[in-house]
Amino acid sequence: MNIIITITVTALVVLYAGLFKAKKALLPITLLGLLTSLAFVATGWNGNHNSYGMMQMDNFALAFTGITVLGTILIFLLTQNYFAENSENIAEYFTLILFSLAGIVIMVSYTNMSMLFIGVEIMSVSLYILAGIRKNNFASNEAALKYFLMGAFSTGFLLFGITLIYGATGSFDLGVINQYLVANYKTISPMFYPGIILLMVGLCFKIGAAPFHFWTPDVYEGAPTLITTFMSTIVKTAGFAAFLRLFADTFAPLHDFWMPPLMVIVCLTLLIGNVTALFQKNFKRMLAYSSISHAGYLLFSLITLTANSANNVLVYAAAYTFATIIAFAVLILVKQKTGNDHFDSFNGLAKRNPFTALILTIAMLSLAGIPLTAGFIGKYLMFLNVMSEYQIYLVAFAILNALVGFYYYFRVIVAMYFKEGNEMELQTPVQYQFVLVFSALITIFLGVYPAVILNLI
């Protein structure tokens, strides 16, 4: 609870600092609040797992909170030189991201489905505004409208599912619902089954899994790049943590019922995400479809439930988060120089800025799943998890899709090293250098020593 209070208070202080035109104080205040939240994560680790009625800060919640808070710190560091000098809504950017993060912490620590809904809505409402915060930009307005309409639609599924589960069990509490399933395994209410499917659909909307992904590319492309970075990493990680807590724990007794439709979703997500990414000429849009394909790999953790499912998701989420932050950080720098985010903008980047090109190469290799990177370990764990149940055909299908992913990730590397481009210098600010180096080191470190976080939860 200290983490949520700290983030919320930080958001309010930042908002008031913005009212008094203290622009230079916004980032230090924000970083101080987030570092304090990280300290609470560290001090609470392996503690008493304090329960706050409808929330519980156990190791699962603390681990995912730590990843999301750390990722948010790196994203805030990317605000150096991001805003125009006459920009008046910097405080609003910061405050809304912090409020969204507060909702995310609720999402990863809920033990009651009403708190899941509250966390999702706190996160989503902030993101609706952030997606359209550039009021004079048509693409930003379109992204906000699409995100709002699809978000409201998915919330309807989520609420209807929660309602049916409550009607069947008489409780929103995850522990009570799980006890009901165990005690009444052969006489479960008919309302419970459609409730599970509706909850699955609602959460698949939030994480951008196919066939509920159609909002993702347009919203990611139209929203400000900084917000897209937050949505594709921190928000997606929180969605999977919420998915995992509900289905891997509470609904585990009915795994045989909800696993087949989930497998269909996994296959569609991998196929649509990877194949569609092949045809993109826009780097930002390619990353959007890439995020869809990674949602498919992350869902592997629910196909076969094991004691390591949560750890596997944590490793994969960490690998994906840091690599994607690198990709978007470089995109921001390139777009500031060239004015567009097409693949051609990266032509000859290795000559202009070999440091940035090297870091982006590491990120692309990790996202592709090349050995000695965290992305390889993440994919390996997911495939190993499914193979434990001898679902070899699913693994073969996923590996084929991963090979397709090699093409569009290596396309960026080829553009940087083997294509001629304009020779203008690409300046890398100090804060960007820190984010790039830190993220790259984490990506390589987790690829070589995955055991550091492999058994955290």
Protein backbone atom coordinates (compact mmCIF):
# COMPACT_ATOMS: atom_id res chain seq x y z
CA MET A 1 0.00 0.00 0.00
CA ASN A 2 2.96 2.31 0.65
CA ILE A 3 3.89 1.97 -3.02
CA ILE A 4 0.48 3.12 -4.27
CA ILE A 5 0.39 6.01 -1.79
CA THR A 6 3.89 7.12 -2.79
CA ILE A 7 3.09 7.06 -6.52
CA THR A 8 -0.21 8.90 -6.03
CA VAL A 9 1.30 11.58 -3.79
CA THR A 10 4.14 12.03 -6.30
CA ALA A 11 1.58 12.51 -9.08
CA LEU A 12 -0.24 15.22 -7.09
CA VAL A 13 3.00 17.01 -6.18
CA VAL A 14 4.08 16.97 -9.83
CA LEU A 15 0.70 18.38 -10.86
CA TYR A 16 0.99 21.25 -8.40
CA ALA A 17 4.58 21.89 -9.50
CA GLY A 18 3.26 22.24 -13.02
CA LEU A 19 0.69 24.80 -11.88
CA PHE A 20 3.51 26.95 -10.51
CA LYS A 21 5.52 26.61 -13.78
CA ALA A 22 8.32 24.67 -12.08
CA LYS A 23 9.20 22.66 -15.17
CA LYS A 24 12.74 21.87 -14.07
CA ALA A 25 11.47 20.28 -10.84
CA LEU A 26 9.07 17.85 -12.54
CA LEU A 27 11.56 15.12 -13.46
CA PRO A 28 13.52 15.16 -10.14
CA ILE A 29 10.30 14.97 -8.12
CA THR A 30 9.01 12.13 -10.27
CA LEU A 31 12.24 10.15 -10.08
CA LEU A 32 12.43 10.65 -6.32
CA GLY A 33 8.91 9.28 -5.88
CA LEU A 34 9.55 6.28 -8.12
CA LEU A 35 12.88 5.47 -6.47
CA THR A 36 11.11 5.60 -3.10
CA SER A 37 8.54 3.15 -4.47
CA LEU A 38 11.37 0.85 -5.58
CA ALA A 39 12.80 1.04 -2.07
CA PHE A 40 9.43 -0.10 -0.68
CA VAL A 41 9.51 -3.02 -3.14
CA ALA A 42 12.96 -4.03 -1.91
CA THR A 43 12.12 -3.71 1.80
CA GLY A 44 8.88 -5.66 1.39
CA TRP A 45 10.53 -8.61 -0.36
CA ASN A 46 10.05 -11.94 1.45
CA GLY A 47 8.29 -10.04 4.21
CA ASN A 48 4.94 -10.72 5.83
CA HIS A 49 3.10 -10.37 2.49
CA ASN A 50 0.78 -7.77 3.93
CA SER A 51 -2.86 -8.16 2.94
CA TYR A 52 -4.94 -5.02 2.59
CA GLY A 53 -8.39 -6.56 2.31
CA MET A 54 -8.77 -6.72 -1.47
CA MET A 55 -5.04 -6.47 -2.28
CA GLN A 56 -1.95 -8.39 -1.25
CA MET A 57 1.67 -7.34 -1.66
CA ASP A 58 3.21 -10.79 -1.99
CA ASN A 59 6.39 -11.59 -3.91
CA PHE A 60 4.38 -11.93 -7.13
CA ALA A 61 3.00 -8.41 -6.80
CA LEU A 62 6.32 -6.96 -5.67
CA ALA A 63 8.25 -8.56 -8.55
CA PHE A 64 5.95 -7.19 -11.23
CA THR A 65 5.68 -3.86 -9.44
CA GLY A 66 9.48 -3.63 -9.44
CA ILE A 67 9.66 -4.30 -13.21
CA THR A 68 6.94 -1.75 -13.99
CA VAL A 69 8.35 0.97 -11.72
CA LEU A 70 11.89 0.48 -13.04
CA GLY A 71 10.64 0.56 -16.62
CA THR A 72 8.68 3.73 -15.90
CA ILE A 73 11.80 5.41 -14.50
CA LEU A 74 13.65 4.67 -17.73
CA ILE A 75 10.73 6.01 -19.78
CA PHE A 76 10.70 9.25 -17.77
CA LEU A 77 14.40 9.66 -18.46
CA LEU A 78 13.53 9.71 -22.17
CA THR A 79 11.74 13.04 -21.65
CA GLN A 80 15.06 14.91 -22.04
CA ASN A 81 14.68 17.10 -25.15
CA TYR A 82 11.40 15.31 -25.92
CA PHE A 83 9.06 18.24 -25.33
CA ALA A 84 9.07 21.53 -27.22
CA GLU A 85 10.33 24.53 -25.27
CA ASN A 86 6.92 26.18 -25.29
CA SER A 87 5.06 22.99 -24.28
CA GLU A 88 2.58 23.67 -21.48
CA ASN A 89 1.35 20.18 -20.67
CA ILE A 90 4.53 18.50 -19.43
CA ALA A 91 3.16 18.21 -15.88
CA GLU A 92 0.02 16.58 -17.28
CA TYR A 93 2.15 14.00 -19.11
CA PHE A 94 4.00 13.14 -15.93
CA THR A 95 0.94 13.11 -13.68
CA LEU A 96 -1.18 10.92 -15.94
CA ILE A 97 1.62 8.39 -16.40
CA LEU A 98 2.01 8.22 -12.62
CA PHE A 99 -1.74 7.77 -12.09
CA SER A 100 -1.71 5.03 -14.71
CA LEU A 101 1.19 3.39 -12.85
CA ALA A 102 -0.85 3.49 -9.62
CA GLY A 103 -3.60 1.57 -11.41
CA ILE A 104 -1.01 -0.89 -12.67
CA VAL A 105 0.20 -1.61 -9.12
CA ILE A 106 -3.41 -2.38 -8.15
CA MET A 107 -3.71 -4.69 -11.17
CA VAL A 108 -0.70 -6.80 -10.15
CA SER A 109 -1.67 -7.04 -6.47
CA TYR A 110 -5.47 -7.53 -6.46
CA THR A 111 -7.11 -10.44 -4.64
CA ASN A 112 -10.65 -9.28 -5.42
CA MET A 113 -12.14 -8.90 -8.89
CA SER A 114 -13.63 -5.51 -8.06
CA MET A 115 -10.08 -4.25 -7.44
CA LEU A 116 -9.03 -5.72 -10.79
CA PHE A 117 -11.70 -3.60 -12.45
CA ILE A 118 -10.69 -0.49 -10.49
CA GLY A 119 -7.02 -0.98 -11.36
CA VAL A 120 -7.78 -1.51 -15.05
CA GLU A 121 -9.95 1.62 -15.20
CA ILE A 122 -7.46 3.85 -13.35
CA MET A 123 -4.80 2.73 -15.79
CA SER A 124 -7.01 2.95 -18.89
CA VAL A 125 -8.64 6.35 -18.27
CA SER A 126 -5.21 7.94 -17.88
CA LEU A 127 -4.05 6.30 -21.11
CA TYR A 128 -7.11 7.47 -23.05
CA ILE A 129 -6.09 11.05 -22.26
CA LEU A 130 -2.38 10.44 -22.88
CA ALA A 131 -3.01 8.91 -26.29
CA GLY A 132 -4.78 12.10 -27.41
CA ILE A 133 -2.81 14.62 -25.41
CA ARG A 134 -1.53 16.28 -28.59
CA LYS A 135 -4.82 18.03 -29.30
CA ASN A 136 -3.70 19.57 -32.58
CA ASN A 137 -2.44 16.26 -33.98
CA PHE A 138 -5.03 14.33 -35.98
CA ALA A 139 -3.28 10.96 -35.54
CA SER A 140 -3.16 11.47 -31.77
CA ASN A 141 -6.87 12.33 -31.65
CA GLU A 142 -7.72 9.29 -33.76
CA ALA A 143 -5.63 7.05 -31.49
CA ALA A 144 -7.39 8.37 -28.39
CA LEU A 145 -10.85 7.83 -29.90
CA LYS A 146 -10.08 4.28 -31.05
CA TYR A 147 -8.46 3.40 -27.75
CA PHE A 148 -11.41 4.80 -25.80
CA LEU A 149 -14.03 2.97 -27.88
CA MET A 150 -12.18 -0.35 -27.81
CA GLY A 151 -11.34 0.10 -24.13
CA ALA A 152 -14.98 0.74 -23.24
CA PHE A 153 -15.98 -2.27 -25.33
CA SER A 154 -13.50 -4.54 -23.55
CA THR A 155 -14.56 -3.19 -20.15
CA GLY A 156 -18.09 -4.36 -20.94
CA PHE A 157 -16.81 -7.91 -21.48
CA LEU A 158 -14.75 -7.71 -18.29
CA LEU A 159 -17.66 -6.47 -16.16
CA PHE A 160 -20.12 -8.96 -17.62
CA GLY A 161 -17.68 -11.78 -16.88
CA ILE A 162 -17.16 -10.58 -13.31
CA THR A 163 -20.94 -10.35 -12.86
CA LEU A 164 -21.51 -13.94 -14.01
CA ILE A 165 -18.70 -15.22 -11.75
CA TYR A 166 -20.25 -13.35 -8.82
CA GLY A 167 -23.67 -14.77 -9.66
CA ALA A 168 -22.25 -18.29 -9.61
CA THR A 169 -20.13 -18.00 -6.45
CA GLY A 170 -21.59 -15.07 -4.49
CA SER A 171 -18.17 -13.49 -4.07
CA PHE A 172 -15.60 -11.30 -5.80
CA ASP A 173 -12.78 -12.67 -3.66
CA LEU A 174 -10.30 -14.85 -5.58
CA GLY A 175 -9.72 -17.19 -2.65
CA VAL A 176 -13.45 -17.81 -2.16
CA ILE A 177 -13.94 -18.38 -5.89
CA ASN A 178 -11.09 -20.90 -5.95
CA GLN A 179 -12.54 -22.73 -2.93
CA TYR A 180 -15.91 -22.86 -4.69
CA LEU A 181 -14.31 -24.50 -7.74
CA VAL A 182 -12.46 -27.07 -5.64
CA ALA A 183 -15.48 -27.91 -3.47
CA ASN A 184 -18.04 -28.02 -6.31
CA TYR A 185 -15.95 -29.36 -9.15
CA LYS A 186 -18.79 -31.49 -10.59
CA THR A 187 -21.67 -29.13 -9.81
CA ILE A 188 -20.36 -25.76 -10.94
CA SER A 189 -23.02 -23.23 -11.89
CA PRO A 190 -23.61 -22.91 -15.67
CA MET A 191 -23.05 -19.16 -15.30
CA PHE A 192 -19.43 -19.69 -14.34
CA TYR A 193 -18.25 -20.97 -17.74
CA PRO A 194 -19.36 -18.00 -19.89
CA GLY A 195 -18.00 -15.77 -17.12
CA ILE A 196 -14.51 -17.23 -17.62
CA ILE A 197 -14.70 -16.77 -21.40
CA LEU A 198 -15.86 -13.16 -21.08
CA LEU A 199 -13.05 -12.39 -18.62
CA MET A 200 -10.58 -13.95 -21.03
CA VAL A 201 -11.90 -11.80 -23.88
CA GLY A 202 -11.76 -8.63 -21.77
CA LEU A 203 -8.18 -9.24 -20.67
CA CYS A 204 -7.10 -10.23 -24.21
CA PHE A 205 -8.33 -6.82 -25.37
CA LYS A 206 -6.12 -5.17 -22.75
CA ILE A 207 -2.96 -7.09 -23.69
CA GLY A 208 -3.56 -6.82 -27.43
CA ALA A 209 -3.94 -10.53 -28.20
CA ALA A 210 -5.58 -11.60 -31.48
CA PRO A 211 -8.35 -11.52 -32.55
CA PHE A 212 -8.87 -8.62 -30.13
CA HIS A 213 -5.79 -6.75 -31.30
CA PHE A 214 -7.18 -4.52 -34.05
CA TRP A 215 -6.89 -1.32 -32.01
CA THR A 216 -3.20 -1.86 -31.21
CA PRO A 217 -1.36 -0.78 -34.41
CA ASP A 218 -3.37 2.41 -34.98
CA VAL A 219 -3.22 3.47 -31.33
CA TYR A 220 0.48 2.72 -30.98
CA GLU A 221 1.26 4.59 -34.19
CA GLY A 222 -0.91 7.63 -33.47
CA ALA A 223 -0.09 8.14 -29.78
CA PRO A 224 3.00 10.17 -28.81
CA THR A 225 6.05 7.88 -28.97
CA LEU A 226 6.76 8.27 -25.25
CA ILE A 227 3.22 7.08 -24.45
CA THR A 228 3.49 4.23 -26.94
CA THR A 229 6.65 3.11 -25.14
CA PHE A 230 4.76 3.05 -21.83
CA MET A 231 1.75 1.24 -23.32
CA SER A 232 3.73 -1.44 -25.14
CA THR A 233 5.95 -2.31 -22.15
CA ILE A 234 4.63 -1.38 -18.71
CA VAL A 235 0.93 -1.68 -19.51
CA LYS A 236 1.37 -5.01 -21.30
CA THR A 237 3.40 -6.42 -18.40
CA ALA A 238 0.67 -5.40 -15.94
CA GLY A 239 -2.00 -7.00 -18.13
CA PHE A 240 -0.17 -10.31 -18.14
CA ALA A 241 0.39 -10.20 -14.39
CA ALA A 242 -3.36 -9.66 -13.91
CA PHE A 243 -4.13 -12.45 -16.40
CA LEU A 244 -1.74 -14.82 -14.65
CA ARG A 245 -3.04 -14.12 -11.13
CA LEU A 246 -6.61 -14.81 -12.21
CA PHE A 247 -6.23 -17.79 -14.51
CA ALA A 248 -3.11 -19.57 -13.21
CA ASP A 249 -4.27 -19.43 -9.59
CA THR A 250 -8.01 -18.89 -9.21
CA PHE A 251 -9.30 -20.63 -12.33
CA ALA A 252 -6.66 -23.40 -12.36
CA PRO A 253 -9.18 -26.17 -11.45
CA LEU A 254 -10.99 -25.49 -14.76
CA HIS A 255 -7.81 -25.42 -16.85
CA ASP A 256 -9.12 -28.14 -19.17
CA PHE A 257 -12.11 -25.92 -20.01
CA TRP A 258 -10.41 -22.62 -20.80
CA MET A 259 -7.14 -23.96 -22.23
CA PRO A 260 -8.48 -24.88 -25.74
CA PRO A 261 -9.89 -21.41 -26.53
CA LEU A 262 -6.71 -19.89 -25.12
CA MET A 263 -4.62 -22.08 -27.43
CA VAL A 264 -6.62 -20.80 -30.41
CA ILE A 265 -5.93 -17.23 -29.25
CA VAL A 266 -2.21 -18.02 -28.90
CA CYS A 267 -1.97 -19.42 -32.44
CA LEU A 268 -3.89 -16.51 -33.96
CA THR A 269 -1.81 -13.99 -32.02
CA LEU A 270 1.50 -15.48 -33.15
CA LEU A 271 0.41 -15.81 -36.76
CA ILE A 272 -1.22 -12.38 -37.16
CA GLY A 273 1.44 -10.52 -35.20
CA ASN A 274 4.45 -11.97 -37.01
CA VAL A 275 3.06 -12.18 -40.54
CA THR A 276 1.59 -8.67 -40.49
CA ALA A 277 4.81 -7.22 -39.08
CA LEU A 278 6.60 -8.50 -42.20
CA PHE A 279 4.76 -6.03 -44.44
CA GLN A 280 5.25 -2.89 -42.37
CA LYS A 281 7.35 -0.02 -43.69
CA ASN A 282 6.92 2.01 -40.53
CA PHE A 283 9.24 1.07 -37.63
CA LYS A 284 6.75 2.14 -34.97
CA ARG A 285 3.95 0.15 -36.55
CA MET A 286 6.26 -2.86 -36.86
CA LEU A 287 6.91 -2.67 -33.12
CA ALA A 288 3.14 -2.59 -32.57
CA TYR A 289 2.64 -5.86 -34.45
CA SER A 290 5.74 -7.21 -32.75
CA SER A 291 4.12 -6.53 -29.38
CA ILE A 292 1.10 -8.57 -30.53
CA SER A 293 3.33 -11.54 -31.36
CA HIS A 294 5.07 -11.29 -27.99
CA ALA A 295 1.66 -11.41 -26.32
CA GLY A 296 1.27 -14.82 -27.93
CA TYR A 297 4.56 -16.06 -26.50
CA LEU A 298 3.66 -14.77 -23.05
CA LEU A 299 0.34 -16.63 -23.14
CA PHE A 300 2.33 -19.87 -23.41
CA SER A 301 2.72 -19.65 -19.64
CA LEU A 302 -1.01 -20.40 -19.28
CA ILE A 303 -1.20 -23.26 -21.79
CA THR A 304 0.58 -25.51 -19.30
CA LEU A 305 0.36 -24.43 -15.67
CA THR A 306 3.45 -25.18 -13.61
CA ALA A 307 5.06 -23.85 -10.47
CA ASN A 308 7.38 -21.80 -12.72
CA SER A 309 4.69 -20.08 -14.81
CA ALA A 310 4.92 -16.79 -12.89
CA ASN A 311 8.73 -16.79 -13.00
CA ASN A 312 8.72 -17.48 -16.73
CA VAL A 313 6.39 -14.55 -17.37
CA LEU A 314 8.56 -12.31 -15.20
CA VAL A 315 11.71 -13.20 -17.17
CA TYR A 316 10.00 -12.75 -20.53
CA ALA A 317 8.34 -9.50 -19.47
CA ALA A 318 11.66 -8.10 -18.24
CA ALA A 319 13.42 -9.11 -21.47
CA TYR A 320 10.69 -7.63 -23.64
CA THR A 321 10.40 -4.43 -21.58
CA PHE A 322 14.06 -3.42 -21.65
CA ALA A 323 14.58 -4.33 -25.32
CA THR A 324 11.46 -2.42 -26.39
CA ILE A 325 12.45 0.65 -24.36
CA ILE A 326 15.76 0.67 -26.27
CA ALA A 327 13.92 0.41 -29.60
CA PHE A 328 11.58 3.31 -28.83
CA ALA A 329 14.37 5.43 -27.35
CA VAL A 330 16.37 5.17 -30.57
CA LEU A 331 13.20 5.79 -32.58
CA ILE A 332 12.62 9.06 -30.69
CA LEU A 333 16.16 10.21 -31.49
CA VAL A 334 15.91 9.24 -35.16
CA LYS A 335 12.48 10.80 -35.58
CA GLN A 336 13.66 14.08 -34.05
CA LYS A 337 16.35 14.25 -36.75
CA THR A 338 14.54 12.87 -39.79
CA GLY A 339 10.93 13.74 -39.04
CA ASN A 340 9.59 10.25 -39.78
CA ASP A 341 9.75 6.74 -38.36
CA HIS A 342 10.11 4.62 -41.50
CA PHE A 343 12.78 1.96 -41.81
CA ASP A 344 14.65 4.18 -44.28
CA SER A 345 15.32 6.62 -41.44
CA PHE A 346 17.72 4.07 -39.93
CA ASN A 347 19.81 3.74 -43.10
CA GLY A 348 23.49 4.28 -42.31
CA LEU A 349 22.88 4.83 -38.59
CA ALA A 350 25.98 2.78 -37.75
CA LYS A 351 28.16 5.38 -39.49
CA ARG A 352 26.43 8.35 -37.91
CA ASN A 353 26.26 6.93 -34.39
CA PRO A 354 27.87 3.49 -33.92
CA PHE A 355 27.04 3.49 -30.19
CA THR A 356 23.30 3.87 -30.77
CA ALA A 357 23.36 1.35 -33.62
CA LEU A 358 25.10 -1.23 -31.42
CA ILE A 359 22.58 -0.83 -28.60
CA LEU A 360 19.64 -1.07 -31.00
CA THR A 361 21.20 -4.19 -32.52
CA ILE A 362 21.29 -5.81 -29.06
CA ALA A 363 17.60 -4.92 -28.59
CA MET A 364 16.62 -6.37 -31.98
CA LEU A 365 18.58 -9.56 -31.29
CA SER A 366 16.84 -9.92 -27.94
CA LEU A 367 13.38 -9.38 -29.42
CA ALA A 368 14.21 -11.95 -32.10
CA GLY A 369 15.33 -14.44 -29.44
CA ILE A 370 19.01 -14.81 -30.31
CA PRO A 371 21.17 -16.64 -27.69
CA LEU A 372 23.08 -14.67 -25.04
CA THR A 373 20.22 -12.18 -24.79
CA ALA A 374 17.32 -12.10 -22.34
CA GLY A 375 14.86 -12.58 -25.20
CA PHE A 376 16.31 -16.00 -25.99
CA ILE A 377 15.95 -17.12 -22.38
CA GLY A 378 12.36 -15.85 -22.30
CA LYS A 379 11.37 -17.77 -25.43
CA TYR A 380 13.26 -20.86 -24.31
CA LEU A 381 11.40 -20.92 -20.99
CA MET A 382 8.04 -20.51 -22.70
CA PHE A 383 8.73 -23.31 -25.19
CA LEU A 384 10.09 -25.56 -22.45
CA ASN A 385 6.96 -24.88 -20.38
CA VAL A 386 4.69 -26.11 -23.17
CA MET A 387 6.91 -29.07 -24.12
CA SER A 388 6.53 -30.46 -20.63
CA GLU A 389 3.04 -31.54 -21.74
CA TYR A 390 4.34 -32.86 -25.08
CA GLN A 391 2.51 -30.23 -27.14
CA ILE A 392 5.23 -30.45 -29.74
CA TYR A 393 3.05 -29.17 -32.60
CA LEU A 394 2.37 -25.90 -30.79
CA VAL A 395 6.09 -25.47 -30.10
CA ALA A 396 6.92 -26.16 -33.76
CA PHE A 397 4.33 -23.59 -34.85
CA ALA A 398 5.78 -21.03 -32.43
CA ILE A 399 9.35 -21.67 -33.61
CA LEU A 400 8.28 -21.13 -37.23
CA ASN A 401 6.72 -17.83 -36.22
CA ALA A 402 9.88 -16.89 -34.36
CA LEU A 403 11.85 -17.50 -37.57
CA VAL A 404 9.49 -15.13 -39.37
CA GLY A 405 10.26 -12.57 -36.67
CA PHE A 406 13.95 -12.79 -37.53
CA TYR A 407 13.24 -11.14 -40.88
CA TYR A 408 11.69 -7.92 -39.69
CA TYR A 409 14.04 -7.51 -36.72
CA PHE A 410 17.13 -8.08 -38.88
CA ARG A 411 15.68 -5.67 -41.41
CA VAL A 412 16.51 -2.87 -38.97
CA ILE A 413 20.06 -4.17 -38.45
CA VAL A 414 20.62 -4.42 -42.21
CA ALA A 415 19.38 -0.85 -42.67
CA MET A 416 21.78 0.48 -40.03
CA TYR A 417 24.91 -1.35 -41.18
CA PHE A 418 24.52 -2.16 -44.86
CA LYS A 419 22.46 0.63 -46.43
CA GLU A 420 23.56 4.10 -47.35
CA GLY A 421 21.76 6.99 -45.70
CA ASN A 422 22.22 10.67 -45.04
CA GLU A 423 25.29 11.46 -43.00
CA MET A 424 23.79 13.88 -40.48
CA GLU A 425 24.98 13.45 -36.91
CA LEU A 426 22.63 11.88 -34.36
CA GLN A 427 23.19 13.36 -30.92
CA THR A 428 22.47 11.13 -27.92
CA PRO A 429 21.65 13.12 -24.76
CA VAL A 430 23.10 11.97 -21.45
CA GLN A 431 19.84 10.60 -20.08
CA TYR A 432 19.30 8.62 -23.27
CA GLN A 433 22.81 7.22 -23.01
CA PHE A 434 22.06 6.01 -19.50
CA VAL A 435 18.76 4.40 -20.54
CA LEU A 436 20.34 2.70 -23.55
CA VAL A 437 23.40 1.38 -21.71
CA PHE A 438 21.44 0.27 -18.63
CA SER A 439 18.79 -1.51 -20.69
CA ALA A 440 21.38 -3.18 -22.91
CA LEU A 441 23.39 -4.39 -19.89
CA ILE A 442 20.24 -5.83 -18.29
CA THR A 443 19.34 -7.52 -21.59
CA ILE A 444 22.75 -9.19 -21.87
CA PHE A 445 23.05 -9.94 -18.15
CA LEU A 446 19.69 -11.74 -18.02
CA GLY A 447 20.66 -13.63 -21.16
CA VAL A 448 23.84 -14.92 -19.54
CA TYR A 449 22.68 -15.18 -15.91
CA PRO A 450 18.90 -15.71 -16.00
CA ALA A 451 18.96 -17.44 -12.60
CA VAL A 452 19.16 -13.98 -10.98
CA ILE A 453 15.39 -13.49 -11.43
CA LEU A 454 14.37 -16.99 -12.53
CA ASN A 455 13.36 -18.07 -9.03
CA LEU A 456 12.29 -14.76 -7.54
CA ILE A 457 8.58 -15.49 -7.11
